[in-house]
Amino acid sequence: MPRYSEERKQAILSKLQPPSNMSVAEVSRSEGIGLQTLYNWRNEARQQGHPMPGHNKTPDDWTSETKLATVIETAALSESELSEYCRSKGLYVEQIKAWRANALQGFSHSKPQSLKDKRQQQADRKQIKQLTRELARKEKALAETAALLVLRKKLEAFWEEHEDD
């Protein structure tokens, strides 16, 4: 059973990623490495946080890490190079532009929005606390009313027994 260095593993795994985007079977044939070994390496790389292509059939099903890696990879390409890249990967230019816009929108969702979210969370917590107190008060009142009704029925039953005597 051969041992592979980390550098060799990374070089082989890079063939699974863009721009090569070779399938596991293709890499297995070209490198002479078993399929299961490649699948294990790919899973290990995913667990370490590296974006690796998976079982997803369409590009819209890709993970956000893979989409971001594609956006970064295509950032410096011209329109014609981007079109060629998209044709080779089975993508549309519009998809990459939408992913880029989503990534930028994530960056714009910054401090002012987070302050607004924090204020809303504080208001929500305060309301939840108030509603919890009100609910507890009403539950106590309901329990007291139920106890009074039970006592009244017992008292009525007690008086009925004494009237019969």
Foldseek 3Di string as FASTA:
>chain_A
DDDDDPVRLVVLQVCCAPPNVDDLVVSCVVVVHDSVVNVVSQVVCVVVPQQGDDPDDDPVPGDLNNLVVVLVVCVPPDPVRLVVSCVVVVHDPVSNVVSVVVVVVVVVCDDVVVVVVVVVVVVVVVVVVVVVVVVVVVVVVVVVVVVVVVVVVVVVVVVVVVVVD
